[in-house]
N, C-alpha and C. Protein backbone atom coordinates (compact mmCIF):
# COMPACT_ATOMS: atom_id res chain seq x y z
N MET A 1 -12.12 -7.20 18.34
CA MET A 1 -11.83 -6.25 17.28
C MET A 1 -13.15 -5.72 16.73
N SER A 2 -13.24 -4.43 16.61
CA SER A 2 -14.45 -3.83 16.07
C SER A 2 -14.45 -3.94 14.56
N LYS A 3 -15.62 -3.85 13.99
CA LYS A 3 -15.77 -3.96 12.53
C LYS A 3 -14.98 -2.87 11.80
N GLN A 4 -14.82 -1.71 12.39
CA GLN A 4 -14.15 -0.60 11.72
C GLN A 4 -12.63 -0.64 11.83
N GLU A 5 -12.07 -1.53 12.65
CA GLU A 5 -10.62 -1.53 12.85
C GLU A 5 -9.84 -1.73 11.55
N PRO A 6 -10.16 -2.71 10.70
CA PRO A 6 -9.39 -2.84 9.46
C PRO A 6 -9.42 -1.57 8.60
N ILE A 7 -10.52 -0.89 8.55
CA ILE A 7 -10.59 0.36 7.79
C ILE A 7 -9.68 1.41 8.43
N LYS A 8 -9.69 1.49 9.74
CA LYS A 8 -8.80 2.43 10.45
C LYS A 8 -7.34 2.09 10.14
N TRP A 9 -6.99 0.81 10.15
CA TRP A 9 -5.62 0.39 9.87
C TRP A 9 -5.23 0.74 8.43
N ALA A 10 -6.14 0.53 7.49
CA ALA A 10 -5.85 0.84 6.08
C ALA A 10 -5.67 2.35 5.89
N LYS A 11 -6.51 3.14 6.52
CA LYS A 11 -6.36 4.60 6.43
C LYS A 11 -5.02 5.04 7.00
N ASN A 12 -4.59 4.42 8.08
CA ASN A 12 -3.30 4.73 8.67
C ASN A 12 -2.17 4.40 7.70
N TYR A 13 -2.25 3.25 7.05
CA TYR A 13 -1.24 2.86 6.07
C TYR A 13 -1.14 3.88 4.93
N VAL A 14 -2.28 4.32 4.40
CA VAL A 14 -2.29 5.30 3.32
C VAL A 14 -1.74 6.64 3.81
N ALA A 15 -2.13 7.06 5.01
CA ALA A 15 -1.62 8.32 5.56
C ALA A 15 -0.10 8.27 5.73
N LEU A 16 0.42 7.18 6.26
CA LEU A 16 1.88 7.05 6.42
C LEU A 16 2.56 7.01 5.06
N SER A 17 1.93 6.38 4.09
CA SER A 17 2.49 6.35 2.74
C SER A 17 2.54 7.74 2.14
N ASN A 18 1.48 8.52 2.34
CA ASN A 18 1.46 9.90 1.83
C ASN A 18 2.47 10.79 2.56
N ASP A 19 2.80 10.41 3.79
CA ASP A 19 3.84 11.13 4.55
C ASP A 19 5.24 10.62 4.24
N HIS A 20 5.32 9.53 3.45
CA HIS A 20 6.60 8.90 3.09
C HIS A 20 7.36 8.44 4.34
N ASN A 21 6.64 7.94 5.32
CA ASN A 21 7.23 7.53 6.59
C ASN A 21 7.62 6.04 6.55
N LEU A 22 8.73 5.77 5.89
CA LEU A 22 9.16 4.38 5.69
C LEU A 22 9.38 3.59 6.98
N PRO A 23 9.98 4.15 8.02
CA PRO A 23 10.14 3.36 9.25
C PRO A 23 8.80 2.90 9.85
N LEU A 24 7.82 3.79 9.88
CA LEU A 24 6.52 3.39 10.43
C LEU A 24 5.78 2.46 9.48
N ILE A 25 5.91 2.67 8.18
CA ILE A 25 5.28 1.75 7.22
C ILE A 25 5.85 0.35 7.41
N LYS A 26 7.17 0.24 7.55
CA LYS A 26 7.80 -1.07 7.74
C LYS A 26 7.22 -1.78 8.96
N SER A 27 6.95 -1.03 10.02
CA SER A 27 6.44 -1.64 11.25
C SER A 27 5.00 -2.15 11.11
N LEU A 28 4.31 -1.77 10.04
CA LEU A 28 2.93 -2.22 9.83
C LEU A 28 2.85 -3.61 9.22
N PHE A 29 3.94 -4.09 8.63
CA PHE A 29 3.93 -5.38 7.93
C PHE A 29 4.39 -6.51 8.85
N ALA A 30 3.67 -7.63 8.80
CA ALA A 30 4.09 -8.83 9.51
C ALA A 30 5.41 -9.31 8.92
N ALA A 31 6.20 -10.04 9.70
CA ALA A 31 7.51 -10.52 9.25
C ALA A 31 7.40 -11.35 7.97
N ASP A 32 6.33 -12.13 7.85
CA ASP A 32 6.15 -13.01 6.69
C ASP A 32 5.13 -12.47 5.68
N ALA A 33 4.90 -11.18 5.69
CA ALA A 33 3.91 -10.56 4.80
C ALA A 33 4.27 -10.80 3.33
N THR A 34 3.25 -10.74 2.50
CA THR A 34 3.43 -10.82 1.06
C THR A 34 2.84 -9.56 0.42
N TYR A 35 3.43 -9.18 -0.72
CA TYR A 35 3.02 -7.96 -1.42
C TYR A 35 3.02 -8.28 -2.90
N HIS A 36 1.90 -8.02 -3.54
CA HIS A 36 1.81 -8.22 -4.99
C HIS A 36 1.32 -6.93 -5.63
N SER A 37 2.06 -6.46 -6.62
CA SER A 37 1.66 -5.27 -7.36
C SER A 37 1.67 -5.58 -8.85
N ALA A 38 0.56 -5.29 -9.51
CA ALA A 38 0.51 -5.46 -10.96
C ALA A 38 1.50 -4.52 -11.64
N TYR A 39 1.92 -3.48 -10.95
CA TYR A 39 2.87 -2.51 -11.50
C TYR A 39 4.32 -2.85 -11.17
N PHE A 40 4.58 -3.43 -9.97
CA PHE A 40 5.96 -3.57 -9.50
C PHE A 40 6.39 -4.98 -9.09
N GLY A 41 5.51 -5.98 -9.17
CA GLY A 41 5.93 -7.35 -8.91
C GLY A 41 5.53 -7.89 -7.55
N GLU A 42 6.18 -9.01 -7.17
CA GLU A 42 5.85 -9.73 -5.94
C GLU A 42 7.02 -9.68 -4.98
N TYR A 43 6.68 -9.56 -3.70
CA TYR A 43 7.69 -9.49 -2.65
C TYR A 43 7.21 -10.31 -1.46
N LYS A 44 8.15 -11.00 -0.83
CA LYS A 44 7.82 -11.85 0.32
C LYS A 44 8.71 -11.48 1.49
N GLY A 45 8.07 -11.19 2.61
CA GLY A 45 8.79 -10.85 3.82
C GLY A 45 8.93 -9.35 4.01
N ASN A 46 8.92 -8.96 5.26
CA ASN A 46 8.98 -7.55 5.62
C ASN A 46 10.20 -6.86 5.04
N ALA A 47 11.37 -7.49 5.10
CA ALA A 47 12.61 -6.85 4.60
C ALA A 47 12.55 -6.60 3.10
N ALA A 48 12.06 -7.57 2.34
CA ALA A 48 11.96 -7.41 0.88
C ALA A 48 10.94 -6.32 0.51
N ILE A 49 9.83 -6.29 1.24
CA ILE A 49 8.81 -5.25 0.99
C ILE A 49 9.38 -3.88 1.31
N HIS A 50 10.09 -3.78 2.41
CA HIS A 50 10.69 -2.49 2.79
C HIS A 50 11.73 -2.02 1.76
N ALA A 51 12.54 -2.94 1.26
CA ALA A 51 13.54 -2.58 0.24
C ALA A 51 12.85 -2.08 -1.02
N MET A 52 11.78 -2.75 -1.45
CA MET A 52 11.03 -2.32 -2.63
C MET A 52 10.44 -0.93 -2.40
N MET A 53 9.86 -0.71 -1.23
CA MET A 53 9.26 0.59 -0.94
C MET A 53 10.30 1.70 -0.88
N THR A 54 11.46 1.41 -0.34
CA THR A 54 12.54 2.39 -0.28
C THR A 54 12.92 2.82 -1.70
N ALA A 55 13.06 1.86 -2.59
CA ALA A 55 13.39 2.16 -3.99
C ALA A 55 12.23 2.91 -4.65
N PHE A 56 11.00 2.52 -4.36
CA PHE A 56 9.82 3.18 -4.94
C PHE A 56 9.77 4.65 -4.55
N PHE A 57 9.95 4.95 -3.25
CA PHE A 57 9.88 6.33 -2.80
C PHE A 57 11.06 7.15 -3.32
N ALA A 58 12.19 6.52 -3.59
CA ALA A 58 13.31 7.24 -4.22
C ALA A 58 12.96 7.58 -5.67
N ARG A 59 12.27 6.66 -6.34
CA ARG A 59 11.90 6.88 -7.74
C ARG A 59 10.78 7.91 -7.86
N PHE A 60 9.86 7.92 -6.90
CA PHE A 60 8.72 8.84 -6.90
C PHE A 60 8.76 9.69 -5.62
N PRO A 61 9.65 10.67 -5.55
CA PRO A 61 9.87 11.39 -4.29
C PRO A 61 8.70 12.25 -3.81
N ASP A 62 7.76 12.55 -4.69
CA ASP A 62 6.60 13.35 -4.28
C ASP A 62 5.29 12.58 -4.43
N VAL A 63 5.37 11.26 -4.44
CA VAL A 63 4.20 10.42 -4.67
C VAL A 63 3.10 10.70 -3.64
N HIS A 64 1.86 10.62 -4.12
CA HIS A 64 0.70 10.84 -3.26
C HIS A 64 -0.44 9.95 -3.75
N TRP A 65 -1.17 9.38 -2.80
CA TRP A 65 -2.33 8.55 -3.13
C TRP A 65 -3.59 9.26 -2.66
N GLU A 66 -4.58 9.28 -3.53
CA GLU A 66 -5.89 9.80 -3.16
C GLU A 66 -6.87 8.63 -3.11
N VAL A 67 -7.54 8.52 -1.97
CA VAL A 67 -8.54 7.47 -1.76
C VAL A 67 -9.82 8.14 -1.32
N VAL A 68 -10.92 7.80 -1.97
CA VAL A 68 -12.20 8.40 -1.63
C VAL A 68 -12.97 7.53 -0.63
N GLU A 69 -12.93 6.22 -0.84
CA GLU A 69 -13.76 5.33 -0.02
C GLU A 69 -13.03 4.03 0.28
N TYR A 70 -13.15 3.58 1.50
CA TYR A 70 -12.61 2.29 1.94
C TYR A 70 -13.79 1.38 2.24
N ARG A 71 -13.66 0.10 1.87
CA ARG A 71 -14.74 -0.82 2.23
C ARG A 71 -14.15 -2.12 2.74
N GLU A 72 -14.77 -2.63 3.78
CA GLU A 72 -14.32 -3.87 4.39
C GLU A 72 -14.69 -5.04 3.49
N ILE A 73 -13.76 -6.01 3.37
CA ILE A 73 -13.99 -7.22 2.57
C ILE A 73 -13.67 -8.43 3.44
N GLU A 74 -13.78 -9.59 2.86
CA GLU A 74 -13.57 -10.84 3.59
C GLU A 74 -12.15 -10.94 4.17
N ASP A 75 -11.99 -11.86 5.10
CA ASP A 75 -10.69 -12.23 5.65
C ASP A 75 -9.96 -11.05 6.28
N ASN A 76 -10.70 -10.23 7.04
CA ASN A 76 -10.09 -9.10 7.75
C ASN A 76 -9.39 -8.15 6.78
N GLY A 77 -10.04 -7.91 5.64
CA GLY A 77 -9.43 -7.09 4.60
C GLY A 77 -10.18 -5.80 4.33
N VAL A 78 -9.49 -4.94 3.61
CA VAL A 78 -10.06 -3.65 3.18
C VAL A 78 -9.69 -3.46 1.72
N GLU A 79 -10.63 -2.94 0.96
CA GLU A 79 -10.42 -2.69 -0.47
C GLU A 79 -10.71 -1.21 -0.74
N PHE A 80 -9.88 -0.62 -1.61
CA PHE A 80 -10.13 0.76 -2.00
C PHE A 80 -9.51 1.05 -3.36
N ALA A 81 -10.19 1.90 -4.11
CA ALA A 81 -9.65 2.42 -5.36
C ALA A 81 -8.78 3.62 -5.01
N PHE A 82 -7.74 3.83 -5.81
CA PHE A 82 -6.86 4.95 -5.55
C PHE A 82 -6.42 5.60 -6.86
N VAL A 83 -5.97 6.84 -6.74
CA VAL A 83 -5.27 7.53 -7.80
C VAL A 83 -3.92 7.92 -7.23
N MET A 84 -2.86 7.44 -7.87
CA MET A 84 -1.50 7.75 -7.46
C MET A 84 -0.94 8.78 -8.42
N THR A 85 -0.35 9.84 -7.87
CA THR A 85 0.31 10.85 -8.70
C THR A 85 1.72 11.08 -8.18
N GLY A 86 2.62 11.42 -9.07
CA GLY A 86 3.98 11.72 -8.65
C GLY A 86 4.89 11.91 -9.83
N MET A 87 6.06 12.47 -9.56
CA MET A 87 7.09 12.66 -10.57
C MET A 87 8.01 11.45 -10.56
N ASP A 88 8.18 10.83 -11.72
CA ASP A 88 9.11 9.71 -11.86
C ASP A 88 10.51 10.30 -12.03
N ALA A 89 11.33 10.18 -10.99
CA ALA A 89 12.67 10.78 -11.01
C ALA A 89 13.55 10.15 -12.09
N SER A 90 13.26 8.91 -12.48
CA SER A 90 14.09 8.26 -13.49
C SER A 90 13.83 8.80 -14.90
N SER A 91 12.62 9.31 -15.14
CA SER A 91 12.30 9.84 -16.48
C SER A 91 11.98 11.34 -16.47
N GLY A 92 11.71 11.88 -15.30
CA GLY A 92 11.32 13.29 -15.21
C GLY A 92 9.88 13.54 -15.61
N GLU A 93 9.10 12.48 -15.80
CA GLU A 93 7.71 12.62 -16.23
C GLU A 93 6.75 12.52 -15.05
N ARG A 94 5.64 13.27 -15.15
CA ARG A 94 4.56 13.15 -14.17
C ARG A 94 3.80 11.86 -14.46
N VAL A 95 3.46 11.16 -13.40
CA VAL A 95 2.75 9.90 -13.52
C VAL A 95 1.43 10.02 -12.78
N LYS A 96 0.39 9.49 -13.40
CA LYS A 96 -0.92 9.39 -12.75
C LYS A 96 -1.45 8.01 -13.04
N ARG A 97 -1.67 7.23 -11.98
CA ARG A 97 -2.15 5.85 -12.13
C ARG A 97 -3.36 5.62 -11.25
N GLN A 98 -4.26 4.81 -11.76
CA GLN A 98 -5.38 4.35 -10.96
C GLN A 98 -5.18 2.88 -10.65
N GLY A 99 -5.75 2.46 -9.56
CA GLY A 99 -5.66 1.06 -9.21
C GLY A 99 -6.64 0.69 -8.12
N LEU A 100 -6.62 -0.58 -7.79
CA LEU A 100 -7.45 -1.12 -6.73
C LEU A 100 -6.51 -1.83 -5.77
N GLU A 101 -6.60 -1.48 -4.52
CA GLU A 101 -5.72 -2.07 -3.51
C GLU A 101 -6.56 -2.86 -2.52
N ARG A 102 -6.04 -4.01 -2.15
CA ARG A 102 -6.65 -4.85 -1.11
C ARG A 102 -5.57 -5.12 -0.07
N ILE A 103 -5.89 -4.83 1.18
CA ILE A 103 -4.97 -5.08 2.28
C ILE A 103 -5.65 -6.04 3.25
N TYR A 104 -4.94 -7.10 3.59
CA TYR A 104 -5.44 -8.09 4.54
C TYR A 104 -4.60 -8.02 5.81
N PHE A 105 -5.28 -8.01 6.94
CA PHE A 105 -4.62 -7.80 8.23
C PHE A 105 -4.67 -9.04 9.11
N THR A 106 -3.66 -9.16 9.96
CA THR A 106 -3.69 -10.17 11.03
C THR A 106 -4.68 -9.65 12.08
N PRO A 107 -5.12 -10.52 13.01
CA PRO A 107 -6.06 -10.05 14.05
C PRO A 107 -5.52 -8.89 14.89
N ASP A 108 -4.19 -8.78 14.99
CA ASP A 108 -3.63 -7.67 15.79
C ASP A 108 -3.26 -6.46 14.94
N GLY A 109 -3.68 -6.43 13.67
CA GLY A 109 -3.56 -5.23 12.87
C GLY A 109 -2.33 -5.10 11.99
N LEU A 110 -1.52 -6.15 11.89
CA LEU A 110 -0.38 -6.10 10.97
C LEU A 110 -0.84 -6.50 9.57
N ILE A 111 -0.19 -5.97 8.57
CA ILE A 111 -0.51 -6.32 7.19
C ILE A 111 0.09 -7.68 6.89
N LYS A 112 -0.77 -8.64 6.49
CA LYS A 112 -0.27 -9.97 6.12
C LYS A 112 -0.17 -10.13 4.61
N HIS A 113 -1.01 -9.41 3.88
CA HIS A 113 -0.94 -9.44 2.42
C HIS A 113 -1.49 -8.13 1.87
N LEU A 114 -0.81 -7.63 0.85
CA LEU A 114 -1.25 -6.42 0.17
C LEU A 114 -1.21 -6.70 -1.32
N SER A 115 -2.28 -6.35 -2.01
CA SER A 115 -2.38 -6.60 -3.45
C SER A 115 -2.80 -5.32 -4.15
N VAL A 116 -2.05 -4.94 -5.19
CA VAL A 116 -2.38 -3.77 -6.00
C VAL A 116 -2.68 -4.26 -7.42
N CYS A 117 -3.88 -3.96 -7.88
CA CYS A 117 -4.31 -4.37 -9.22
C CYS A 117 -4.52 -3.15 -10.09
N LYS A 118 -4.31 -3.33 -11.36
CA LYS A 118 -4.67 -2.28 -12.31
C LYS A 118 -6.19 -2.22 -12.39
N PRO A 119 -6.77 -1.10 -12.82
CA PRO A 119 -8.22 -0.94 -12.78
C PRO A 119 -9.01 -2.04 -13.51
N ASP A 120 -8.44 -2.65 -14.53
CA ASP A 120 -9.17 -3.67 -15.27
C ASP A 120 -8.99 -5.07 -14.73
N ASN A 121 -8.28 -5.26 -13.60
CA ASN A 121 -8.07 -6.60 -13.03
C ASN A 121 -9.14 -6.91 -12.03
């Protein structure tokens, strides 16, 4: 595995998320993956993560993430700051959030853990 592979995998995840491609996003997560979001809670397993994401994209039908820089971190991981924008369909309000995301990959490129923190965490 080249040093740049985790960054390439993370960029692919963000691109698929911006395309709202739930079937391909689901295929990126390992069966036993874990997901922690300071905004939306904890999820264990590919099916639970997919269900949460399906509900998330329904709530934010035009959601978009902007990422300026990706950096490799320990344990086959990538960290990046993001700005998320979108319309909250449940309230009709525009939402703009900043955060820090860390994605950890298996050696074959599946997401084993994803963590979303608020900017002050």
